[in-house]
Amino acid sequence: MTDVDLLAHASEFSFHPEGASFGDREVFYFEVTVARRSNDLWAVLWLGRCWNHVTQDWEYEPRERSKKFLAECRLPLDEAVKVARSKPDTLSVNGKTWVDFKAIHALQAARD
């Protein structure tokens, strides 16, 4: 089976910061997920938020999704992947980027 064949069966997949691996501490804070929401539309998700391509910002997913929300927060697969791949290295959690977290971890490891 090729990657293209597998994609037809995927319901979601995730992107991580450059150089991150699954075993890295706190990497999940920077994980951006592309999730299928209908046959042809996907959502870009991060920490319970959805990427709004109109406002170019993250917003919380409401319980009841209006037509406006769906139009602004659903993308074709190629656009969703482009957004998701560009985000992990730009995100910050408590004012710190992935690079900041890695530097803190390196200092902690050197101290131990």
PDB file of N, CA and C in Angstrom:
ATOM      1  N   MET A   1       0.836  -1.179   0.000  1.00  0.00           N
ATOM      2  CA  MET A   1       0.000   0.000   0.000  1.00  0.00           C
ATOM      3  C   MET A   1       0.887   1.252   0.000  1.00  0.00           C
ATOM      4  N   THR A   2       0.523   2.220  -0.799  1.00  0.00           N
ATOM      5  CA  THR A   2       1.287   3.472  -0.852  1.00  0.00           C
ATOM      6  C   THR A   2       0.722   4.463   0.159  1.00  0.00           C
ATOM      7  N   ASP A   3       1.454   5.556   0.374  1.00  0.00           N
ATOM      8  CA  ASP A   3       0.974   6.609   1.259  1.00  0.00           C
ATOM      9  C   ASP A   3      -0.363   7.175   0.781  1.00  0.00           C
ATOM     10  N   VAL A   4      -0.502   7.316  -0.519  1.00  0.00           N
ATOM     11  CA  VAL A   4      -1.750   7.839  -1.091  1.00  0.00           C
ATOM     12  C   VAL A   4      -2.904   6.884  -0.797  1.00  0.00           C
ATOM     13  N   ASP A   5      -2.651   5.577  -0.907  1.00  0.00           N
ATOM     14  CA  ASP A   5      -3.684   4.590  -0.590  1.00  0.00           C
ATOM     15  C   ASP A   5      -4.091   4.690   0.879  1.00  0.00           C
ATOM     16  N   LEU A   6      -3.117   4.851   1.747  1.00  0.00           N
ATOM     17  CA  LEU A   6      -3.403   4.943   3.186  1.00  0.00           C
ATOM     18  C   LEU A   6      -4.173   6.204   3.538  1.00  0.00           C
ATOM     19  N   LEU A   7      -3.879   7.297   2.859  1.00  0.00           N
ATOM     20  CA  LEU A   7      -4.550   8.559   3.144  1.00  0.00           C
ATOM     21  C   LEU A   7      -6.062   8.448   2.986  1.00  0.00           C
ATOM     22  N   ALA A   8      -6.510   7.651   2.060  1.00  0.00           N
ATOM     23  CA  ALA A   8      -7.944   7.471   1.848  1.00  0.00           C
ATOM     24  C   ALA A   8      -8.627   6.882   3.083  1.00  0.00           C
ATOM     25  N   HIS A   9      -7.860   6.202   3.946  1.00  0.00           N
ATOM     26  CA  HIS A   9      -8.413   5.585   5.149  1.00  0.00           C
ATOM     27  C   HIS A   9      -8.156   6.405   6.422  1.00  0.00           C
ATOM     28  N   ALA A  10      -7.376   7.462   6.312  1.00  0.00           N
ATOM     29  CA  ALA A  10      -7.004   8.252   7.493  1.00  0.00           C
ATOM     30  C   ALA A  10      -8.148   9.148   7.944  1.00  0.00           C
ATOM     31  N   SER A  11      -8.284   9.280   9.239  1.00  0.00           N
ATOM     32  CA  SER A  11      -9.254  10.227   9.778  1.00  0.00           C
ATOM     33  C   SER A  11      -8.549  11.423  10.408  1.00  0.00           C
ATOM     34  N   GLU A  12      -7.262  11.249  10.774  1.00  0.00           N
ATOM     35  CA  GLU A  12      -6.481  12.378  11.257  1.00  0.00           C
ATOM     36  C   GLU A  12      -5.001  12.009  11.281  1.00  0.00           C
ATOM     37  N   PHE A  13      -4.170  13.033  11.263  1.00  0.00           N
ATOM     38  CA  PHE A  13      -2.732  12.853  11.401  1.00  0.00           C
ATOM     39  C   PHE A  13      -2.160  14.140  11.973  1.00  0.00           C
ATOM     40  N   SER A  14      -0.960  14.057  12.559  1.00  0.00           N
ATOM     41  CA  SER A  14      -0.399  15.181  13.301  1.00  0.00           C
ATOM     42  C   SER A  14       0.973  15.596  12.802  1.00  0.00           C
ATOM     43  N   PHE A  15       1.276  16.855  13.060  1.00  0.00           N
ATOM     44  CA  PHE A  15       2.581  17.426  12.748  1.00  0.00           C
ATOM     45  C   PHE A  15       3.201  17.943  14.032  1.00  0.00           C
ATOM     46  N   HIS A  16       4.530  17.803  14.129  1.00  0.00           N
ATOM     47  CA  HIS A  16       5.278  18.221  15.309  1.00  0.00           C
ATOM     48  C   HIS A  16       6.326  19.246  14.907  1.00  0.00           C
ATOM     49  N   PRO A  17       6.909  19.942  15.878  1.00  0.00           N
ATOM     50  CA  PRO A  17       7.973  20.898  15.545  1.00  0.00           C
ATOM     51  C   PRO A  17       9.162  20.204  14.879  1.00  0.00           C
ATOM     52  N   GLU A  18       9.916  20.960  14.133  1.00  0.00           N
ATOM     53  CA  GLU A  18      11.109  20.451  13.463  1.00  0.00           C
ATOM     54  C   GLU A  18      12.034  19.792  14.480  1.00  0.00           C
ATOM     55  N   GLY A  19      12.432  18.577  14.207  1.00  0.00           N
ATOM     56  CA  GLY A  19      13.372  17.864  15.068  1.00  0.00           C
ATOM     57  C   GLY A  19      12.764  17.201  16.286  1.00  0.00           C
ATOM     58  N   ALA A  20      11.469  17.336  16.490  1.00  0.00           N
ATOM     59  CA  ALA A  20      10.816  16.721  17.655  1.00  0.00           C
ATOM     60  C   ALA A  20      10.518  15.258  17.375  1.00  0.00           C
ATOM     61  N   SER A  21      10.442  14.485  18.443  1.00  0.00           N
ATOM     62  CA  SER A  21      10.062  13.082  18.310  1.00  0.00           C
ATOM     63  C   SER A  21       8.992  12.763  19.345  1.00  0.00           C
ATOM     64  N   PHE A  22       8.348  11.609  19.182  1.00  0.00           N
ATOM     65  CA  PHE A  22       7.259  11.237  20.081  1.00  0.00           C
ATOM     66  C   PHE A  22       7.696  11.175  21.532  1.00  0.00           C
ATOM     67  N   GLY A  23       8.946  10.819  21.784  1.00  0.00           N
ATOM     68  CA  GLY A  23       9.412  10.667  23.148  1.00  0.00           C
ATOM     69  C   GLY A  23       9.799  11.962  23.842  1.00  0.00           C
ATOM     70  N   ASP A  24       9.809  13.069  23.125  1.00  0.00           N
ATOM     71  CA  ASP A  24      10.204  14.339  23.731  1.00  0.00           C
ATOM     72  C   ASP A  24       9.169  14.820  24.743  1.00  0.00           C
ATOM     73  N   ARG A  25       9.684  15.273  25.860  1.00  0.00           N
ATOM     74  CA  ARG A  25       8.788  15.813  26.886  1.00  0.00           C
ATOM     75  C   ARG A  25       8.062  17.042  26.348  1.00  0.00           C
ATOM     76  N   GLU A  26       6.806  17.130  26.640  1.00  0.00           N
ATOM     77  CA  GLU A  26       5.944  18.267  26.318  1.00  0.00           C
ATOM     78  C   GLU A  26       5.739  18.526  24.830  1.00  0.00           C
ATOM     79  N   VAL A  27       6.138  17.589  23.961  1.00  0.00           N
ATOM     80  CA  VAL A  27       5.954  17.801  22.523  1.00  0.00           C
ATOM     81  C   VAL A  27       4.471  17.888  22.171  1.00  0.00           C
ATOM     82  N   PHE A  28       3.631  17.240  22.958  1.00  0.00           N
ATOM     83  CA  PHE A  28       2.192  17.245  22.660  1.00  0.00           C
ATOM     84  C   PHE A  28       1.595  18.650  22.711  1.00  0.00           C
ATOM     85  N   TYR A  29       2.228  19.577  23.438  1.00  0.00           N
ATOM     86  CA  TYR A  29       1.740  20.959  23.470  1.00  0.00           C
ATOM     87  C   TYR A  29       1.881  21.640  22.112  1.00  0.00           C
ATOM     88  N   PHE A  30       2.746  21.118  21.280  1.00  0.00           N
ATOM     89  CA  PHE A  30       3.033  21.732  19.984  1.00  0.00           C
ATOM     90  C   PHE A  30       2.546  20.886  18.818  1.00  0.00           C
ATOM     91  N   GLU A  31       1.792  19.855  19.110  1.00  0.00           N
ATOM     92  CA  GLU A  31       1.255  18.961  18.088  1.00  0.00           C
ATOM     93  C   GLU A  31       0.045  19.608  17.416  1.00  0.00           C
ATOM     94  N   VAL A  32       0.092  19.703  16.105  1.00  0.00           N
ATOM     95  CA  VAL A  32      -1.017  20.252  15.321  1.00  0.00           C
ATOM     96  C   VAL A  32      -1.594  19.107  14.495  1.00  0.00           C
ATOM     97  N   THR A  33      -2.899  18.919  14.616  1.00  0.00           N
ATOM     98  CA  THR A  33      -3.567  17.778  13.994  1.00  0.00           C
ATOM     99  C   THR A  33      -4.464  18.225  12.849  1.00  0.00           C
ATOM    100  N   VAL A  34      -4.433  17.463  11.783  1.00  0.00           N
ATOM    101  CA  VAL A  34      -5.373  17.638  10.669  1.00  0.00           C
ATOM    102  C   VAL A  34      -6.395  16.517  10.819  1.00  0.00           C
ATOM    103  N   ALA A  35      -7.659  16.880  10.995  1.00  0.00           N
ATOM    104  CA  ALA A  35      -8.707  15.884  11.249  1.00  0.00           C
ATOM    105  C   ALA A  35      -9.815  16.000  10.208  1.00  0.00           C
ATOM    106  N   ARG A  36     -10.191  14.855   9.666  1.00  0.00           N
ATOM    107  CA  ARG A  36     -11.278  14.827   8.679  1.00  0.00           C
ATOM    108  C   ARG A  36     -12.596  15.183   9.372  1.00  0.00           C
ATOM    109  N   ARG A  37     -13.340  16.101   8.753  1.00  0.00           N
ATOM    110  CA  ARG A  37     -14.633  16.495   9.302  1.00  0.00           C
ATOM    111  C   ARG A  37     -15.781  16.173   8.360  1.00  0.00           C
ATOM    112  N   SER A  38     -15.471  15.908   7.101  1.00  0.00           N
ATOM    113  CA  SER A  38     -16.456  15.454   6.111  1.00  0.00           C
ATOM    114  C   SER A  38     -15.659  14.816   4.985  1.00  0.00           C
ATOM    115  N   ASN A  39     -16.333  14.411   3.923  1.00  0.00           N
ATOM    116  CA  ASN A  39     -15.621  13.737   2.830  1.00  0.00           C
ATOM    117  C   ASN A  39     -14.475  14.568   2.272  1.00  0.00           C
ATOM    118  N   ASP A  40     -14.685  15.853   2.109  1.00  0.00           N
ATOM    119  CA  ASP A  40     -13.690  16.697   1.449  1.00  0.00           C
ATOM    120  C   ASP A  40     -13.129  17.817   2.316  1.00  0.00           C
ATOM    121  N   LEU A  41     -13.572  17.929   3.561  1.00  0.00           N
ATOM    122  CA  LEU A  41     -13.127  19.038   4.400  1.00  0.00           C
ATOM    123  C   LEU A  41     -12.462  18.549   5.680  1.00  0.00           C
ATOM    124  N   TRP A  42     -11.430  19.276   6.069  1.00  0.00           N
ATOM    125  CA  TRP A  42     -10.602  18.918   7.216  1.00  0.00           C
ATOM    126  C   TRP A  42     -10.482  20.121   8.147  1.00  0.00           C
ATOM    127  N   ALA A  43     -10.243  19.845   9.432  1.00  0.00           N
ATOM    128  CA  ALA A  43     -10.001  20.891  10.422  1.00  0.00           C
ATOM    129  C   ALA A  43      -8.544  20.804  10.861  1.00  0.00           C
ATOM    130  N   VAL A  44      -7.972  21.951  11.188  1.00  0.00           N
ATOM    131  CA  VAL A  44      -6.622  22.011  11.742  1.00  0.00           C
ATOM    132  C   VAL A  44      -6.793  22.333  13.227  1.00  0.00           C
ATOM    133  N   LEU A  45      -6.318  21.430  14.086  1.00  0.00           N
ATOM    134  CA  LEU A  45      -6.590  21.516  15.529  1.00  0.00           C
ATOM    135  C   LEU A  45      -5.308  21.622  16.342  1.00  0.00           C
ATOM    136  N   TRP A  46      -5.394  22.395  17.428  1.00  0.00           N
ATOM    137  CA  TRP A  46      -4.274  22.532  18.367  1.00  0.00           C
ATOM    138  C   TRP A  46      -4.840  22.839  19.747  1.00  0.00           C
ATOM    139  N   LEU A  47      -4.572  21.967  20.696  1.00  0.00           N
ATOM    140  CA  LEU A  47      -4.990  22.144  22.091  1.00  0.00           C
ATOM    141  C   LEU A  47      -6.457  22.564  22.222  1.00  0.00           C
ATOM    142  N   GLY A  48      -7.326  21.854  21.542  1.00  0.00           N
ATOM    143  CA  GLY A  48      -8.760  22.135  21.648  1.00  0.00           C
ATOM    144  C   GLY A  48      -9.234  23.333  20.852  1.00  0.00           C
ATOM    145  N   ARG A  49      -8.364  23.874  20.033  1.00  0.00           N
ATOM    146  CA  ARG A  49      -8.726  25.019  19.201  1.00  0.00           C
ATOM    147  C   ARG A  49      -8.678  24.613  17.737  1.00  0.00           C
ATOM    148  N   CYS A  50      -9.388  25.384  16.935  1.00  0.00           N
ATOM    149  CA  CYS A  50      -9.476  25.122  15.504  1.00  0.00           C
ATOM    150  C   CYS A  50      -8.943  26.343  14.752  1.00  0.00           C
ATOM    151  N   TRP A  51      -8.161  26.104  13.700  1.00  0.00           N
ATOM    152  CA  TRP A  51      -7.628  27.206  12.904  1.00  0.00           C
ATOM    153  C   TRP A  51      -8.722  27.831  12.051  1.00  0.00           C
ATOM    154  N   ASN A  52      -8.879  29.155  12.177  1.00  0.00           N
ATOM    155  CA  ASN A  52      -9.846  29.909  11.383  1.00  0.00           C
ATOM    156  C   ASN A  52      -9.066  30.568  10.250  1.00  0.00           C
ATOM    157  N   HIS A  53      -9.281  30.129   9.029  1.00  0.00           N
ATOM    158  CA  HIS A  53      -8.504  30.645   7.906  1.00  0.00           C
ATOM    159  C   HIS A  53      -8.925  32.048   7.484  1.00  0.00           C
ATOM    160  N   VAL A  54     -10.052  32.543   7.978  1.00  0.00           N
ATOM    161  CA  VAL A  54     -10.483  33.904   7.660  1.00  0.00           C
ATOM    162  C   VAL A  54      -9.801  34.896   8.599  1.00  0.00           C
ATOM    163  N   THR A  55      -9.849  34.630   9.909  1.00  0.00           N
ATOM    164  CA  THR A  55      -9.227  35.536  10.883  1.00  0.00           C
ATOM    165  C   THR A  55      -7.741  35.254  11.063  1.00  0.00           C
ATOM    166  N   GLN A  56      -7.272  34.112  10.518  1.00  0.00           N
ATOM    167  CA  GLN A  56      -5.876  33.687  10.656  1.00  0.00           C
ATOM    168  C   GLN A  56      -5.480  33.558  12.128  1.00  0.00           C
ATOM    169  N   ASP A  57      -6.360  32.917  12.892  1.00  0.00           N
ATOM    170  CA  ASP A  57      -6.115  32.734  14.319  1.00  0.00           C
ATOM    171  C   ASP A  57      -6.819  31.466  14.795  1.00  0.00           C
ATOM    172  N   TRP A  58      -6.425  31.028  15.984  1.00  0.00           N
ATOM    173  CA  TRP A  58      -7.032  29.843  16.599  1.00  0.00           C
ATOM    174  C   TRP A  58      -8.286  30.257  17.348  1.00  0.00           C
ATOM    175  N   GLU A  59      -9.316  29.434  17.297  1.00  0.00           N
ATOM    176  CA  GLU A  59     -10.511  29.691  18.100  1.00  0.00           C
ATOM    177  C   GLU A  59     -11.029  28.377  18.666  1.00  0.00           C
ATOM    178  N   TYR A  60     -11.672  28.488  19.820  1.00  0.00           N
ATOM    179  CA  TYR A  60     -12.228  27.287  20.437  1.00  0.00           C
ATOM    180  C   TYR A  60     -13.391  26.774  19.607  1.00  0.00           C
ATOM    181  N   GLU A  61     -13.501  25.459  19.531  1.00  0.00           N
ATOM    182  CA  GLU A  61     -14.613  24.873  18.798  1.00  0.00           C
ATOM    183  C   GLU A  61     -15.881  24.981  19.642  1.00  0.00           C
ATOM    184  N   PRO A  62     -16.897  25.653  19.130  1.00  0.00           N
ATOM    185  CA  PRO A  62     -18.155  25.756  19.879  1.00  0.00           C
ATOM    186  C   PRO A  62     -18.901  24.432  19.874  1.00  0.00           C
ATOM    187  N   ARG A  63     -19.775  24.260  20.840  1.00  0.00           N
ATOM    188  CA  ARG A  63     -20.577  23.019  20.877  1.00  0.00           C
ATOM    189  C   ARG A  63     -21.458  22.913  19.647  1.00  0.00           C
ATOM    190  N   GLU A  64     -22.101  24.021  19.329  1.00  0.00           N
ATOM    191  CA  GLU A  64     -22.949  24.042  18.143  1.00  0.00           C
ATOM    192  C   GLU A  64     -22.222  24.830  17.066  1.00  0.00           C
ATOM    193  N   ARG A  65     -21.929  24.166  15.974  1.00  0.00           N
ATOM    194  CA  ARG A  65     -21.146  24.786  14.911  1.00  0.00           C
ATOM    195  C   ARG A  65     -22.055  25.462  13.891  1.00  0.00           C
ATOM    196  N   SER A  66     -21.956  26.780  13.814  1.00  0.00           N
ATOM    197  CA  SER A  66     -22.769  27.539  12.868  1.00  0.00           C
ATOM    198  C   SER A  66     -22.217  27.368  11.449  1.00  0.00           C
ATOM    199  N   LYS A  67     -23.004  27.760  10.480  1.00  0.00           N
ATOM    200  CA  LYS A  67     -22.543  27.718   9.093  1.00  0.00           C
ATOM    201  C   LYS A  67     -21.317  28.602   8.909  1.00  0.00           C
ATOM    202  N   LYS A  68     -21.296  29.727   9.609  1.00  0.00           N
ATOM    203  CA  LYS A  68     -20.155  30.647   9.536  1.00  0.00           C
ATOM    204  C   LYS A  68     -18.900  29.961  10.069  1.00  0.00           C
ATOM    205  N   PHE A  69     -19.003  29.311  11.220  1.00  0.00           N
ATOM    206  CA  PHE A  69     -17.861  28.607  11.804  1.00  0.00           C
ATOM    207  C   PHE A  69     -17.356  27.531  10.841  1.00  0.00           C
ATOM    208  N   LEU A  70     -18.262  26.738  10.301  1.00  0.00           N
ATOM    209  CA  LEU A  70     -17.869  25.668   9.389  1.00  0.00           C
ATOM    210  C   LEU A  70     -17.192  26.220   8.136  1.00  0.00           C
ATOM    211  N   ALA A  71     -17.680  27.322   7.621  1.00  0.00           N
ATOM    212  CA  ALA A  71     -17.085  27.919   6.427  1.00  0.00           C
ATOM    213  C   ALA A  71     -15.687  28.465   6.712  1.00  0.00           C
ATOM    214  N   GLU A  72     -15.474  28.958   7.928  1.00  0.00           N
ATOM    215  CA  GLU A  72     -14.200  29.575   8.276  1.00  0.00           C
ATOM    216  C   GLU A  72     -13.167  28.585   8.824  1.00  0.00           C
ATOM    217  N   CYS A  73     -13.620  27.447   9.327  1.00  0.00           N
ATOM    218  CA  CYS A  73     -12.715  26.524  10.026  1.00  0.00           C
ATOM    219  C   CYS A  73     -12.608  25.148   9.371  1.00  0.00           C
ATOM    220  N   ARG A  74     -13.007  25.020   8.145  1.00  0.00           N
ATOM    221  CA  ARG A  74     -12.866  23.776   7.411  1.00  0.00           C
ATOM    222  C   ARG A  74     -12.130  24.066   6.113  1.00  0.00           C
ATOM    223  N   LEU A  75     -11.201  23.191   5.775  1.00  0.00           N
ATOM    224  CA  LEU A  75     -10.355  23.409   4.614  1.00  0.00           C
ATOM    225  C   LEU A  75     -10.231  22.136   3.783  1.00  0.00           C
ATOM    226  N   PRO A  76      -9.951  22.280   2.483  1.00  0.00           N
ATOM    227  CA  PRO A  76      -9.591  21.093   1.705  1.00  0.00           C
ATOM    228  C   PRO A  76      -8.275  20.529   2.259  1.00  0.00           C
ATOM    229  N   LEU A  77      -8.027  19.264   2.022  1.00  0.00           N
ATOM    230  CA  LEU A  77      -6.864  18.591   2.603  1.00  0.00           C
ATOM    231  C   LEU A  77      -5.548  19.298   2.323  1.00  0.00           C
ATOM    232  N   ASP A  78      -5.297  19.686   1.088  1.00  0.00           N
ATOM    233  CA  ASP A  78      -4.004  20.299   0.773  1.00  0.00           C
ATOM    234  C   ASP A  78      -3.783  21.603   1.531  1.00  0.00           C
ATOM    235  N   GLU A  79      -4.824  22.408   1.685  1.00  0.00           N
ATOM    236  CA  GLU A  79      -4.703  23.651   2.446  1.00  0.00           C
ATOM    237  C   GLU A  79      -4.526  23.367   3.937  1.00  0.00           C
ATOM    238  N   ALA A  80      -5.270  22.387   4.466  1.00  0.00           N
ATOM    239  CA  ALA A  80      -5.156  22.032   5.883  1.00  0.00           C
ATOM    240  C   ALA A  80      -3.744  21.545   6.212  1.00  0.00           C
ATOM    241  N   VAL A  81      -3.184  20.731   5.341  1.00  0.00           N
ATOM    242  CA  VAL A  81      -1.818  20.234   5.556  1.00  0.00           C
ATOM    243  C   VAL A  81      -0.819  21.385   5.515  1.00  0.00           C
ATOM    244  N   LYS A  82      -0.986  22.286   4.584  1.00  0.00           N
ATOM    245  CA  LYS A  82      -0.076  23.439   4.481  1.00  0.00           C
ATOM    246  C   LYS A  82      -0.097  24.261   5.775  1.00  0.00           C
ATOM    247  N   VAL A  83      -1.280  24.534   6.294  1.00  0.00           N
ATOM    248  CA  VAL A  83      -1.401  25.289   7.543  1.00  0.00           C
ATOM    249  C   VAL A  83      -0.787  24.502   8.696  1.00  0.00           C
ATOM    250  N   ALA A  84      -1.156  23.243   8.819  1.00  0.00           N
ATOM    251  CA  ALA A  84      -0.692  22.424   9.948  1.00  0.00           C
ATOM    252  C   ALA A  84       0.826  22.273   9.955  1.00  0.00           C
ATOM    253  N   ARG A  85       1.425  22.104   8.806  1.00  0.00           N
ATOM    254  CA  ARG A  85       2.887  21.950   8.731  1.00  0.00           C
ATOM    255  C   ARG A  85       3.602  23.238   9.109  1.00  0.00           C
ATOM    256  N   SER A  86       2.966  24.372   8.905  1.00  0.00           N
ATOM    257  CA  SER A  86       3.616  25.659   9.174  1.00  0.00           C
ATOM    258  C   SER A  86       3.504  26.103  10.630  1.00  0.00           C
ATOM    259  N   LYS A  87       2.651  25.476  11.418  1.00  0.00           N
ATOM    260  CA  LYS A  87       2.345  25.991  12.743  1.00  0.00           C
ATOM    261  C   LYS A  87       3.209  25.503  13.919  1.00  0.00           C
ATOM    262  N   PRO A  88       3.588  24.235  14.028  1.00  0.00           N
ATOM    263  CA  PRO A  88       4.238  23.772  15.260  1.00  0.00           C
ATOM    264  C   PRO A  88       5.454  24.586  15.707  1.00  0.00           C
ATOM    265  N   ASP A  89       6.271  25.055  14.779  1.00  0.00           N
ATOM    266  CA  ASP A  89       7.462  25.815  15.153  1.00  0.00           C
ATOM    267  C   ASP A  89       7.149  27.255  15.525  1.00  0.00           C
ATOM    268  N   THR A  90       5.927  27.716  15.292  1.00  0.00           N
ATOM    269  CA  THR A  90       5.574  29.104  15.580  1.00  0.00           C
ATOM    270  C   THR A  90       4.728  29.246  16.844  1.00  0.00           C
ATOM    271  N   LEU A  91       4.259  28.136  17.385  1.00  0.00           N
ATOM    272  CA  LEU A  91       3.362  28.177  18.535  1.00  0.00           C
ATOM    273  C   LEU A  91       4.118  28.489  19.823  1.00  0.00           C
ATOM    274  N   SER A  92       3.396  29.072  20.779  1.00  0.00           N
ATOM    275  CA  SER A  92       3.987  29.264  22.108  1.00  0.00           C
ATOM    276  C   SER A  92       2.980  28.831  23.163  1.00  0.00           C
ATOM    277  N   VAL A  93       3.518  28.246  24.209  1.00  0.00           N
ATOM    278  CA  VAL A  93       2.726  27.793  25.352  1.00  0.00           C
ATOM    279  C   VAL A  93       3.314  28.470  26.571  1.00  0.00           C
ATOM    280  N   ASN A  94       2.486  29.216  27.288  1.00  0.00           N
ATOM    281  CA  ASN A  94       2.969  30.013  28.425  1.00  0.00           C
ATOM    282  C   ASN A  94       4.148  30.891  28.025  1.00  0.00           C
ATOM    283  N   GLY A  95       4.076  31.436  26.807  1.00  0.00           N
ATOM    284  CA  GLY A  95       5.108  32.351  26.323  1.00  0.00           C
ATOM    285  C   GLY A  95       6.380  31.679  25.830  1.00  0.00           C
ATOM    286  N   LYS A  96       6.390  30.351  25.766  1.00  0.00           N
ATOM    287  CA  LYS A  96       7.597  29.636  25.342  1.00  0.00           C
ATOM    288  C   LYS A  96       7.332  28.815  24.076  1.00  0.00           C
ATOM    289  N   THR A  97       8.287  28.864  23.163  1.00  0.00           N
ATOM    290  CA  THR A  97       8.207  28.075  21.943  1.00  0.00           C
ATOM    291  C   THR A  97       8.816  26.696  22.187  1.00  0.00           C
ATOM    292  N   TRP A  98       8.732  25.831  21.171  1.00  0.00           N
ATOM    293  CA  TRP A  98       9.348  24.508  21.278  1.00  0.00           C
ATOM    294  C   TRP A  98      10.853  24.633  21.488  1.00  0.00           C
ATOM    295  N   VAL A  99      11.485  25.582  20.806  1.00  0.00           N
ATOM    296  CA  VAL A  99      12.932  25.797  20.962  1.00  0.00           C
ATOM    297  C   VAL A  99      13.242  26.169  22.413  1.00  0.00           C
ATOM    298  N   ASP A 100      12.409  27.007  23.022  1.00  0.00           N
ATOM    299  CA  ASP A 100      12.605  27.376  24.439  1.00  0.00           C
ATOM    300  C   ASP A 100      12.506  26.147  25.334  1.00  0.00           C
ATOM    301  N   PHE A 101      11.493  25.312  25.097  1.00  0.00           N
ATOM    302  CA  PHE A 101      11.326  24.099  25.903  1.00  0.00           C
ATOM    303  C   PHE A 101      12.535  23.180  25.768  1.00  0.00           C
ATOM    304  N   LYS A 102      13.034  23.020  24.545  1.00  0.00           N
ATOM    305  CA  LYS A 102      14.207  22.160  24.324  1.00  0.00           C
ATOM    306  C   LYS A 102      15.421  22.705  25.074  1.00  0.00           C
ATOM    307  N   ALA A 103      15.604  24.021  25.078  1.00  0.00           N
ATOM    308  CA  ALA A 103      16.730  24.629  25.796  1.00  0.00           C
ATOM    309  C   ALA A 103      16.598  24.403  27.303  1.00  0.00           C
ATOM    310  N   ILE A 104      15.401  24.533  27.822  1.00  0.00           N
ATOM    311  CA  ILE A 104      15.160  24.288  29.257  1.00  0.00           C
ATOM    312  C   ILE A 104      15.463  22.836  29.586  1.00  0.00           C
ATOM    313  N   HIS A 105      15.022  21.912  28.741  1.00  0.00           N
ATOM    314  CA  HIS A 105      15.275  20.484  28.969  1.00  0.00           C
ATOM    315  C   HIS A 105      16.771  20.181  28.944  1.00  0.00           C
ATOM    316  N   ALA A 106      17.499  20.822  28.029  1.00  0.00           N
ATOM    317  CA  ALA A 106      18.941  20.604  27.940  1.00  0.00           C
ATOM    318  C   ALA A 106      19.642  21.103  29.204  1.00  0.00           C
ATOM    319  N   LEU A 107      19.218  22.260  29.706  1.00  0.00           N
ATOM    320  CA  LEU A 107      19.802  22.784  30.951  1.00  0.00           C
ATOM    321  C   LEU A 107      19.507  21.858  32.132  1.00  0.00           C
ATOM    322  N   GLN A 108      18.268  21.364  32.193  1.00  0.00           N
ATOM    323  CA  GLN A 108      17.893  20.447  33.269  1.00  0.00           C
ATOM    324  C   GLN A 108      18.703  19.158  33.191  1.00  0.00           C
ATOM    325  N   ALA A 109      18.906  18.634  31.998  1.00  0.00           N
ATOM    326  CA  ALA A 109      19.671  17.407  31.817  1.00  0.00           C
ATOM    327  C   ALA A 109      21.135  17.618  32.213  1.00  0.00           C
ATOM    328  N   ALA A 110      21.700  18.775  31.880  1.00  0.00           N
ATOM    329  CA  ALA A 110      23.078  19.060  32.224  1.00  0.00           C
ATOM    330  C   ALA A 110      23.261  19.212  33.736  1.00  0.00           C
ATOM    331  N   ARG A 111      22.242  19.703  34.387  1.00  0.00           N
ATOM    332  CA  ARG A 111      22.287  19.897  35.832  1.00  0.00           C
ATOM    333  C   ARG A 111      22.165  18.564  36.581  1.00  0.00           C
ATOM    334  N   ASP A 112      21.417  17.629  36.005  1.00  0.00           N
ATOM    335  CA  ASP A 112      21.193  16.325  36.647  1.00  0.00           C
ATOM    336  C   ASP A 112      22.386  15.477  36.512  1.00  0.00           C
TER     337      ASP A 112
END
